[in-house]
Amino acid sequence: PGLQKSIGKMTTDDAQTEEIIQETFIKIWLSRDQLSHIENIEGYLYRTAVNLFLMRLRQQTAQREREKNWAAARFAADESALDQVRIAELKEIIQLAVDQLPEKRREIYRLSRDKGMTTAEIAAHLQIAESTVKNSISAALTFIRERLIEGGYDHIASVIIIFLNFFCGQ
């Protein structure tokens, strides 16, 4: 009863307490040949039970950690797949928006973004004013932003436009 009460305070689970006590007595029984030199059998029982409890606790903690890591890895994989879908959707929205631009504006936008030409290079190539090139690119980016907002990407539309403007444009 004393051992059960002590272990019960540690586990707060009657079934686990019973299992630990049973394991303790099984362990004692299996090593009964070595018990003759033990002076304090009650202390030995208690120490064995506590060690079994601590071993279970470590195993449970390790199991929870493995489950947590598995869940995190699963979540990351799911998020990665979802991110890939979102990126594909964004690319499609942007491509559709570019395709809907008036022909000259679309040409200017593609020369800037796809070919990497500067405003001056585009102006010289098309024989138009640099201000026309700048205005066309600005209007194209505004149009793309509006399509992104319509597509439900209003929370990141500005970031994407900034990216398109500074990292894909000249």
N, C-alpha and C. Protein backbone atom coordinates (compact mmCIF):
# COMPACT_ATOMS: atom_id res chain seq x y z
N PRO A 1 0.82 -1.22 0.00
CA PRO A 1 0.00 0.00 0.00
C PRO A 1 0.86 1.27 0.00
N GLY A 2 1.97 1.29 0.73
CA GLY A 2 2.83 2.47 0.77
C GLY A 2 3.46 2.75 -0.58
N LEU A 3 3.89 1.70 -1.26
CA LEU A 3 4.49 1.83 -2.58
C LEU A 3 3.46 2.33 -3.58
N GLN A 4 2.26 1.77 -3.50
CA GLN A 4 1.19 2.17 -4.41
C GLN A 4 0.84 3.64 -4.20
N LYS A 5 0.78 4.07 -2.95
CA LYS A 5 0.46 5.47 -2.64
C LYS A 5 1.55 6.40 -3.16
N SER A 6 2.80 6.04 -2.97
CA SER A 6 3.92 6.89 -3.41
C SER A 6 3.95 7.01 -4.93
N ILE A 7 3.83 5.89 -5.62
CA ILE A 7 3.85 5.91 -7.08
C ILE A 7 2.59 6.60 -7.61
N GLY A 8 1.47 6.38 -6.94
CA GLY A 8 0.20 7.01 -7.34
C GLY A 8 0.29 8.52 -7.33
N LYS A 9 1.04 9.08 -6.39
CA LYS A 9 1.21 10.54 -6.34
C LYS A 9 2.01 11.04 -7.54
N MET A 10 2.90 10.21 -8.04
CA MET A 10 3.72 10.62 -9.18
C MET A 10 2.96 10.50 -10.50
N THR A 11 2.15 9.45 -10.64
CA THR A 11 1.52 9.20 -11.92
C THR A 11 0.16 9.86 -12.07
N THR A 12 -0.59 9.97 -11.00
CA THR A 12 -1.98 10.47 -11.01
C THR A 12 -2.86 9.67 -11.97
N ASP A 13 -2.46 8.44 -12.27
CA ASP A 13 -3.22 7.55 -13.14
C ASP A 13 -3.18 6.17 -12.51
N ASP A 14 -4.33 5.69 -12.04
CA ASP A 14 -4.39 4.41 -11.32
C ASP A 14 -3.88 3.24 -12.16
N ALA A 15 -4.23 3.21 -13.43
CA ALA A 15 -3.80 2.11 -14.29
C ALA A 15 -2.28 2.11 -14.44
N GLN A 16 -1.71 3.29 -14.63
CA GLN A 16 -0.25 3.38 -14.78
C GLN A 16 0.43 3.01 -13.46
N THR A 17 -0.15 3.41 -12.35
CA THR A 17 0.40 3.06 -11.04
C THR A 17 0.45 1.55 -10.89
N GLU A 18 -0.65 0.88 -11.22
CA GLU A 18 -0.71 -0.58 -11.13
C GLU A 18 0.33 -1.24 -12.04
N GLU A 19 0.47 -0.72 -13.25
CA GLU A 19 1.44 -1.29 -14.18
C GLU A 19 2.86 -1.16 -13.65
N ILE A 20 3.18 -0.01 -13.08
CA ILE A 20 4.53 0.21 -12.54
C ILE A 20 4.79 -0.72 -11.37
N ILE A 21 3.80 -0.89 -10.51
CA ILE A 21 3.98 -1.79 -9.36
C ILE A 21 4.15 -3.23 -9.84
N GLN A 22 3.35 -3.64 -10.82
CA GLN A 22 3.50 -5.00 -11.36
C GLN A 22 4.87 -5.17 -11.99
N GLU A 23 5.31 -4.19 -12.76
CA GLU A 23 6.65 -4.27 -13.38
C GLU A 23 7.73 -4.34 -12.31
N THR A 24 7.52 -3.60 -11.23
CA THR A 24 8.49 -3.60 -10.13
C THR A 24 8.63 -5.00 -9.55
N PHE A 25 7.51 -5.64 -9.26
CA PHE A 25 7.57 -6.97 -8.67
C PHE A 25 8.08 -8.01 -9.67
N ILE A 26 7.78 -7.84 -10.94
CA ILE A 26 8.33 -8.74 -11.96
C ILE A 26 9.84 -8.59 -12.02
N LYS A 27 10.30 -7.35 -11.98
CA LYS A 27 11.74 -7.08 -12.02
C LYS A 27 12.42 -7.68 -10.79
N ILE A 28 11.79 -7.52 -9.63
CA ILE A 28 12.34 -8.08 -8.38
C ILE A 28 12.38 -9.61 -8.49
N TRP A 29 11.30 -10.19 -8.98
CA TRP A 29 11.23 -11.65 -9.11
C TRP A 29 12.31 -12.18 -10.04
N LEU A 30 12.51 -11.49 -11.16
CA LEU A 30 13.50 -11.94 -12.12
C LEU A 30 14.93 -11.82 -11.59
N SER A 31 15.14 -10.92 -10.65
CA SER A 31 16.49 -10.75 -10.09
C SER A 31 16.54 -11.23 -8.64
N ARG A 32 15.68 -12.17 -8.27
CA ARG A 32 15.57 -12.64 -6.89
C ARG A 32 16.86 -13.28 -6.38
N ASP A 33 17.67 -13.82 -7.27
CA ASP A 33 18.93 -14.44 -6.86
C ASP A 33 19.91 -13.41 -6.30
N GLN A 34 19.76 -12.17 -6.69
CA GLN A 34 20.69 -11.12 -6.26
C GLN A 34 20.17 -10.34 -5.05
N LEU A 35 19.00 -10.70 -4.54
CA LEU A 35 18.38 -9.93 -3.46
C LEU A 35 18.98 -10.22 -2.08
N SER A 36 19.74 -11.27 -1.93
CA SER A 36 20.26 -11.67 -0.62
C SER A 36 21.18 -10.61 0.00
N HIS A 37 21.85 -9.83 -0.81
CA HIS A 37 22.78 -8.83 -0.27
C HIS A 37 22.11 -7.47 -0.02
N ILE A 38 20.82 -7.33 -0.34
CA ILE A 38 20.12 -6.05 -0.14
C ILE A 38 19.65 -5.97 1.30
N GLU A 39 20.03 -4.89 1.99
CA GLU A 39 19.69 -4.72 3.40
C GLU A 39 18.31 -4.09 3.58
N ASN A 40 17.96 -3.13 2.72
CA ASN A 40 16.69 -2.40 2.86
C ASN A 40 15.81 -2.75 1.67
N ILE A 41 15.04 -3.82 1.77
CA ILE A 41 14.22 -4.28 0.65
C ILE A 41 13.13 -3.28 0.30
N GLU A 42 12.59 -2.60 1.31
CA GLU A 42 11.54 -1.60 1.06
C GLU A 42 12.10 -0.44 0.24
N GLY A 43 13.28 0.03 0.58
CA GLY A 43 13.93 1.10 -0.17
C GLY A 43 14.28 0.65 -1.59
N TYR A 44 14.69 -0.63 -1.72
CA TYR A 44 15.01 -1.19 -3.03
C TYR A 44 13.76 -1.25 -3.91
N LEU A 45 12.64 -1.69 -3.32
CA LEU A 45 11.37 -1.72 -4.05
C LEU A 45 10.99 -0.31 -4.52
N TYR A 46 11.09 0.64 -3.59
CA TYR A 46 10.73 2.02 -3.91
C TYR A 46 11.63 2.56 -5.03
N ARG A 47 12.94 2.35 -4.91
CA ARG A 47 13.88 2.86 -5.91
C ARG A 47 13.62 2.20 -7.27
N THR A 48 13.33 0.92 -7.29
CA THR A 48 13.02 0.21 -8.53
C THR A 48 11.77 0.78 -9.17
N ALA A 49 10.73 1.00 -8.36
CA ALA A 49 9.47 1.56 -8.87
C ALA A 49 9.68 2.97 -9.41
N VAL A 50 10.43 3.78 -8.70
CA VAL A 50 10.69 5.16 -9.15
C VAL A 50 11.49 5.13 -10.46
N ASN A 51 12.48 4.25 -10.54
CA ASN A 51 13.26 4.14 -11.78
C ASN A 51 12.38 3.71 -12.95
N LEU A 52 11.47 2.78 -12.71
CA LEU A 52 10.54 2.36 -13.77
C LEU A 52 9.63 3.52 -14.18
N PHE A 53 9.17 4.27 -13.18
CA PHE A 53 8.32 5.44 -13.47
C PHE A 53 9.09 6.45 -14.33
N LEU A 54 10.34 6.74 -13.94
CA LEU A 54 11.15 7.70 -14.69
C LEU A 54 11.45 7.21 -16.10
N MET A 55 11.68 5.90 -16.24
CA MET A 55 11.91 5.34 -17.57
C MET A 55 10.67 5.51 -18.44
N ARG A 56 9.49 5.23 -17.87
CA ARG A 56 8.24 5.42 -18.62
C ARG A 56 8.05 6.89 -18.99
N LEU A 57 8.36 7.76 -18.06
CA LEU A 57 8.21 9.19 -18.29
C LEU A 57 9.10 9.64 -19.45
N ARG A 58 10.35 9.17 -19.46
CA ARG A 58 11.26 9.50 -20.56
C ARG A 58 10.73 8.94 -21.89
N GLN A 59 10.22 7.72 -21.85
CA GLN A 59 9.69 7.11 -23.06
C GLN A 59 8.47 7.89 -23.57
N GLN A 60 7.59 8.28 -22.65
CA GLN A 60 6.41 9.06 -23.05
C GLN A 60 6.80 10.42 -23.61
N THR A 61 7.78 11.04 -22.98
CA THR A 61 8.26 12.34 -23.45
C THR A 61 8.88 12.19 -24.84
N ALA A 62 9.68 11.16 -25.02
CA ALA A 62 10.29 10.92 -26.33
C ALA A 62 9.22 10.62 -27.38
N GLN A 63 8.20 9.86 -26.99
CA GLN A 63 7.11 9.55 -27.92
C GLN A 63 6.35 10.82 -28.31
N ARG A 64 6.06 11.66 -27.33
CA ARG A 64 5.37 12.93 -27.62
C ARG A 64 6.22 13.81 -28.53
N GLU A 65 7.52 13.82 -28.29
CA GLU A 65 8.43 14.61 -29.12
C GLU A 65 8.44 14.08 -30.56
N ARG A 66 8.48 12.75 -30.69
CA ARG A 66 8.43 12.16 -32.03
C ARG A 66 7.12 12.50 -32.73
N GLU A 67 6.02 12.42 -31.99
CA GLU A 67 4.71 12.76 -32.57
C GLU A 67 4.65 14.23 -32.95
N LYS A 68 5.21 15.07 -32.09
CA LYS A 68 5.23 16.51 -32.38
C LYS A 68 6.07 16.80 -33.63
N ASN A 69 7.23 16.16 -33.71
CA ASN A 69 8.10 16.34 -34.88
C ASN A 69 7.43 15.82 -36.14
N TRP A 70 6.76 14.67 -36.01
CA TRP A 70 6.06 14.11 -37.16
C TRP A 70 4.95 15.06 -37.60
N ALA A 71 4.20 15.58 -36.63
CA ALA A 71 3.12 16.51 -36.96
C ALA A 71 3.68 17.78 -37.60
N ALA A 72 4.80 18.26 -37.08
CA ALA A 72 5.41 19.47 -37.64
C ALA A 72 5.90 19.20 -39.07
N ALA A 73 6.51 18.03 -39.27
CA ALA A 73 6.98 17.69 -40.61
C ALA A 73 5.81 17.54 -41.57
N ARG A 74 4.76 16.93 -41.09
CA ARG A 74 3.55 16.75 -41.91
C ARG A 74 2.95 18.11 -42.26
N PHE A 75 2.89 18.99 -41.24
CA PHE A 75 2.35 20.33 -41.46
C PHE A 75 3.22 21.09 -42.47
N ALA A 76 4.54 20.97 -42.32
CA ALA A 76 5.46 21.65 -43.24
C ALA A 76 5.28 21.13 -44.66
N ALA A 77 5.12 19.82 -44.80
CA ALA A 77 4.91 19.24 -46.13
C ALA A 77 3.60 19.73 -46.72
N ASP A 78 2.56 19.76 -45.88
CA ASP A 78 1.26 20.26 -46.34
C ASP A 78 1.36 21.72 -46.73
N GLU A 79 2.06 22.51 -45.90
CA GLU A 79 2.23 23.93 -46.19
C GLU A 79 3.03 24.13 -47.47
N SER A 80 4.07 23.30 -47.65
CA SER A 80 4.89 23.41 -48.85
C SER A 80 4.05 23.12 -50.09
N ALA A 81 3.23 22.08 -50.02
CA ALA A 81 2.36 21.76 -51.16
C ALA A 81 1.37 22.89 -51.40
N LEU A 82 0.82 23.42 -50.30
CA LEU A 82 -0.13 24.53 -50.42
C LEU A 82 0.56 25.76 -50.99
N ASP A 83 1.79 26.02 -50.55
CA ASP A 83 2.55 27.15 -51.09
C ASP A 83 2.77 26.99 -52.59
N GLN A 84 3.08 25.78 -53.02
CA GLN A 84 3.29 25.53 -54.45
C GLN A 84 2.01 25.81 -55.24
N VAL A 85 0.88 25.43 -54.68
CA VAL A 85 -0.41 25.70 -55.34
C VAL A 85 -0.65 27.20 -55.41
N ARG A 86 -0.38 27.89 -54.30
CA ARG A 86 -0.57 29.35 -54.27
C ARG A 86 0.34 30.05 -55.27
N ILE A 87 1.58 29.61 -55.34
CA ILE A 87 2.52 30.22 -56.28
C ILE A 87 2.04 30.00 -57.71
N ALA A 88 1.57 28.79 -57.99
CA ALA A 88 1.05 28.50 -59.33
C ALA A 88 -0.17 29.39 -59.63
N GLU A 89 -1.05 29.57 -58.64
CA GLU A 89 -2.21 30.44 -58.82
C GLU A 89 -1.78 31.88 -59.08
N LEU A 90 -0.80 32.35 -58.30
CA LEU A 90 -0.31 33.71 -58.48
C LEU A 90 0.28 33.90 -59.88
N LYS A 91 1.09 32.94 -60.30
CA LYS A 91 1.68 33.04 -61.64
C LYS A 91 0.60 33.07 -62.71
N GLU A 92 -0.43 32.26 -62.52
CA GLU A 92 -1.51 32.21 -63.50
C GLU A 92 -2.28 33.53 -63.54
N ILE A 93 -2.58 34.09 -62.36
CA ILE A 93 -3.28 35.38 -62.31
C ILE A 93 -2.45 36.46 -62.98
N ILE A 94 -1.16 36.49 -62.68
CA ILE A 94 -0.28 37.50 -63.27
C ILE A 94 -0.20 37.32 -64.78
N GLN A 95 -0.05 36.08 -65.24
CA GLN A 95 0.04 35.83 -66.68
C GLN A 95 -1.26 36.22 -67.38
N LEU A 96 -2.40 35.88 -66.79
CA LEU A 96 -3.69 36.26 -67.38
C LEU A 96 -3.83 37.77 -67.44
N ALA A 97 -3.38 38.44 -66.38
CA ALA A 97 -3.46 39.91 -66.35
C ALA A 97 -2.58 40.50 -67.44
N VAL A 98 -1.37 39.99 -67.58
CA VAL A 98 -0.46 40.49 -68.62
C VAL A 98 -1.08 40.25 -70.00
N ASP A 99 -1.68 39.08 -70.19
CA ASP A 99 -2.31 38.77 -71.48
C ASP A 99 -3.48 39.71 -71.79
N GLN A 100 -4.12 40.26 -70.76
CA GLN A 100 -5.26 41.16 -70.95
C GLN A 100 -4.85 42.61 -71.19
N LEU A 101 -3.58 42.90 -71.02
CA LEU A 101 -3.11 44.27 -71.24
C LEU A 101 -3.26 44.64 -72.71
N PRO A 102 -3.46 45.94 -72.99
CA PRO A 102 -3.45 46.36 -74.40
C PRO A 102 -2.11 45.96 -75.02
N GLU A 103 -2.12 45.72 -76.31
CA GLU A 103 -0.96 45.14 -76.99
C GLU A 103 0.33 45.91 -76.74
N LYS A 104 0.33 47.22 -76.90
CA LYS A 104 1.56 48.01 -76.74
C LYS A 104 2.04 47.97 -75.29
N ARG A 105 1.11 48.06 -74.33
CA ARG A 105 1.47 48.03 -72.91
C ARG A 105 2.05 46.66 -72.56
N ARG A 106 1.44 45.61 -73.09
CA ARG A 106 1.93 44.24 -72.85
C ARG A 106 3.34 44.09 -73.41
N GLU A 107 3.59 44.63 -74.59
CA GLU A 107 4.92 44.55 -75.20
C GLU A 107 5.95 45.27 -74.33
N ILE A 108 5.60 46.46 -73.87
CA ILE A 108 6.52 47.23 -73.02
C ILE A 108 6.79 46.47 -71.72
N TYR A 109 5.73 45.95 -71.12
CA TYR A 109 5.88 45.20 -69.86
C TYR A 109 6.80 43.99 -70.06
N ARG A 110 6.59 43.24 -71.12
CA ARG A 110 7.39 42.03 -71.36
C ARG A 110 8.85 42.37 -71.69
N LEU A 111 9.06 43.45 -72.43
CA LEU A 111 10.44 43.86 -72.69
C LEU A 111 11.14 44.21 -71.39
N SER A 112 10.41 44.83 -70.50
CA SER A 112 10.98 45.21 -69.21
C SER A 112 11.20 43.99 -68.31
N ARG A 113 10.17 43.18 -68.14
CA ARG A 113 10.24 42.07 -67.18
C ARG A 113 10.88 40.81 -67.75
N ASP A 114 10.48 40.44 -68.94
CA ASP A 114 10.98 39.18 -69.51
C ASP A 114 12.37 39.33 -70.13
N LYS A 115 12.59 40.44 -70.82
CA LYS A 115 13.87 40.65 -71.50
C LYS A 115 14.87 41.42 -70.64
N GLY A 116 14.38 42.04 -69.57
CA GLY A 116 15.27 42.77 -68.67
C GLY A 116 15.78 44.08 -69.23
N MET A 117 15.06 44.64 -70.19
CA MET A 117 15.51 45.90 -70.80
C MET A 117 15.20 47.07 -69.88
N THR A 118 16.05 48.09 -69.93
CA THR A 118 15.83 49.30 -69.15
C THR A 118 14.79 50.18 -69.85
N THR A 119 14.33 51.18 -69.13
CA THR A 119 13.36 52.12 -69.70
C THR A 119 13.93 52.78 -70.95
N ALA A 120 15.18 53.20 -70.87
CA ALA A 120 15.83 53.86 -72.02
C ALA A 120 15.95 52.90 -73.20
N GLU A 121 16.32 51.66 -72.94
CA GLU A 121 16.45 50.67 -74.01
C GLU A 121 15.11 50.39 -74.69
N ILE A 122 14.06 50.29 -73.88
CA ILE A 122 12.73 50.05 -74.45
C ILE A 122 12.30 51.24 -75.30
N ALA A 123 12.53 52.45 -74.77
CA ALA A 123 12.15 53.66 -75.50
C ALA A 123 12.88 53.73 -76.84
N ALA A 124 14.16 53.42 -76.84
CA ALA A 124 14.94 53.45 -78.08
C ALA A 124 14.47 52.35 -79.04
N HIS A 125 14.22 51.17 -78.50
CA HIS A 125 13.80 50.03 -79.31
C HIS A 125 12.45 50.29 -79.99
N LEU A 126 11.52 50.87 -79.24
CA LEU A 126 10.17 51.12 -79.78
C LEU A 126 10.01 52.52 -80.37
N GLN A 127 11.06 53.33 -80.23
CA GLN A 127 11.05 54.71 -80.72
C GLN A 127 9.88 55.50 -80.11
N ILE A 128 9.83 55.43 -78.74
CA ILE A 128 8.84 56.20 -77.99
C ILE A 128 9.55 56.90 -76.84
N ALA A 129 8.86 57.81 -76.19
CA ALA A 129 9.46 58.56 -75.09
C ALA A 129 9.62 57.66 -73.86
N GLU A 130 10.66 57.93 -73.08
CA GLU A 130 10.89 57.18 -71.84
C GLU A 130 9.71 57.33 -70.89
N SER A 131 9.11 58.53 -70.87
CA SER A 131 7.96 58.75 -69.99
C SER A 131 6.80 57.84 -70.38
N THR A 132 6.65 57.57 -71.66
CA THR A 132 5.60 56.65 -72.13
C THR A 132 5.87 55.24 -71.63
N VAL A 133 7.13 54.84 -71.66
CA VAL A 133 7.52 53.52 -71.16
C VAL A 133 7.21 53.43 -69.66
N LYS A 134 7.62 54.45 -68.90
CA LYS A 134 7.38 54.46 -67.45
C LYS A 134 5.89 54.42 -67.15
N ASN A 135 5.12 55.24 -67.84
CA ASN A 135 3.67 55.27 -67.62
C ASN A 135 3.02 53.93 -67.97
N SER A 136 3.48 53.31 -69.05
CA SER A 136 2.93 52.01 -69.47
C SER A 136 3.23 50.92 -68.44
N ILE A 137 4.45 50.91 -67.94
CA ILE A 137 4.82 49.92 -66.92
C ILE A 137 4.02 50.15 -65.64
N SER A 138 3.89 51.41 -65.24
CA SER A 138 3.11 51.74 -64.05
C SER A 138 1.66 51.30 -64.20
N ALA A 139 1.07 51.57 -65.37
CA ALA A 139 -0.32 51.18 -65.62
C ALA A 139 -0.45 49.65 -65.63
N ALA A 140 0.54 48.97 -66.20
CA ALA A 140 0.51 47.50 -66.24
C ALA A 140 0.56 46.93 -64.82
N LEU A 141 1.44 47.47 -63.99
CA LEU A 141 1.55 47.00 -62.61
C LEU A 141 0.27 47.26 -61.83
N THR A 142 -0.35 48.41 -62.06
CA THR A 142 -1.62 48.72 -61.40
C THR A 142 -2.69 47.71 -61.82
N PHE A 143 -2.74 47.41 -63.11
CA PHE A 143 -3.71 46.44 -63.63
C PHE A 143 -3.47 45.05 -63.02
N ILE A 144 -2.22 44.64 -62.95
CA ILE A 144 -1.87 43.33 -62.36
C ILE A 144 -2.28 43.30 -60.89
N ARG A 145 -2.01 44.39 -60.18
CA ARG A 145 -2.38 44.47 -58.76
C ARG A 145 -3.89 44.32 -58.60
N GLU A 146 -4.66 44.97 -59.46
CA GLU A 146 -6.12 44.86 -59.39
C GLU A 146 -6.57 43.42 -59.63
N ARG A 147 -5.92 42.73 -60.56
CA ARG A 147 -6.29 41.33 -60.83
C ARG A 147 -5.93 40.44 -59.63
N LEU A 148 -4.81 40.74 -58.98
CA LEU A 148 -4.43 39.98 -57.79
C LEU A 148 -5.45 40.18 -56.67
N ILE A 149 -5.89 41.40 -56.50
CA ILE A 149 -6.89 41.69 -55.47
C ILE A 149 -8.19 40.96 -55.79
N GLU A 150 -8.60 40.99 -57.05
CA GLU A 150 -9.81 40.26 -57.46
C GLU A 150 -9.66 38.76 -57.23
N GLY A 151 -8.45 38.26 -57.35
CA GLY A 151 -8.17 36.84 -57.16
C GLY A 151 -8.04 36.44 -55.70
N GLY A 152 -8.25 37.39 -54.79
CA GLY A 152 -8.19 37.07 -53.37
C GLY A 152 -6.82 37.24 -52.75
N TYR A 153 -5.91 37.86 -53.47
CA TYR A 153 -4.55 38.06 -52.96
C TYR A 153 -4.31 39.51 -52.56
N ASP A 154 -5.36 40.15 -52.04
CA ASP A 154 -5.24 41.56 -51.67
C ASP A 154 -4.22 41.78 -50.56
N HIS A 155 -4.04 40.82 -49.68
CA HIS A 155 -3.10 40.96 -48.58
C HIS A 155 -1.64 40.94 -49.03
N ILE A 156 -1.36 40.42 -50.20
CA ILE A 156 0.03 40.40 -50.67
C ILE A 156 0.21 41.05 -52.03
N ALA A 157 -0.85 41.62 -52.57
CA ALA A 157 -0.77 42.22 -53.91
C ALA A 157 0.30 43.30 -53.98
N SER A 158 0.35 44.16 -52.97
CA SER A 158 1.34 45.24 -52.98
C SER A 158 2.76 44.70 -52.93
N VAL A 159 2.96 43.66 -52.13
CA VAL A 159 4.30 43.06 -52.02
C VAL A 159 4.72 42.48 -53.37
N ILE A 160 3.79 41.82 -54.04
CA ILE A 160 4.11 41.22 -55.34
C ILE A 160 4.44 42.31 -56.35
N ILE A 161 3.68 43.40 -56.33
CA ILE A 161 3.94 44.50 -57.27
C ILE A 161 5.30 45.12 -56.98
N ILE A 162 5.62 45.29 -55.69
CA ILE A 162 6.94 45.83 -55.34
C ILE A 162 8.02 44.88 -55.86
N PHE A 163 7.80 43.58 -55.68
CA PHE A 163 8.76 42.60 -56.18
C PHE A 163 8.90 42.71 -57.69
N LEU A 164 7.78 42.76 -58.39
CA LEU A 164 7.82 42.87 -59.85
C LEU A 164 8.51 44.16 -60.28
N ASN A 165 8.26 45.22 -59.54
CA ASN A 165 8.80 46.53 -59.90
C ASN A 165 10.31 46.62 -59.66
N PHE A 166 10.77 46.15 -58.50
CA PHE A 166 12.16 46.35 -58.14
C PHE A 166 13.07 45.19 -58.51
N PHE A 167 12.55 43.98 -58.48
CA PHE A 167 13.42 42.84 -58.73
C PHE A 167 13.32 42.29 -60.14
N CYS A 168 12.22 42.57 -60.80
CA CYS A 168 12.05 42.05 -62.17
C CYS A 168 12.16 43.16 -63.20
N GLY A 169 12.12 44.39 -62.75
CA GLY A 169 12.20 45.52 -63.68
C GLY A 169 13.54 46.20 -63.59
N GLN A 170 13.75 47.11 -64.49
CA GLN A 170 15.03 47.84 -64.51
C GLN A 170 14.79 49.30 -64.17
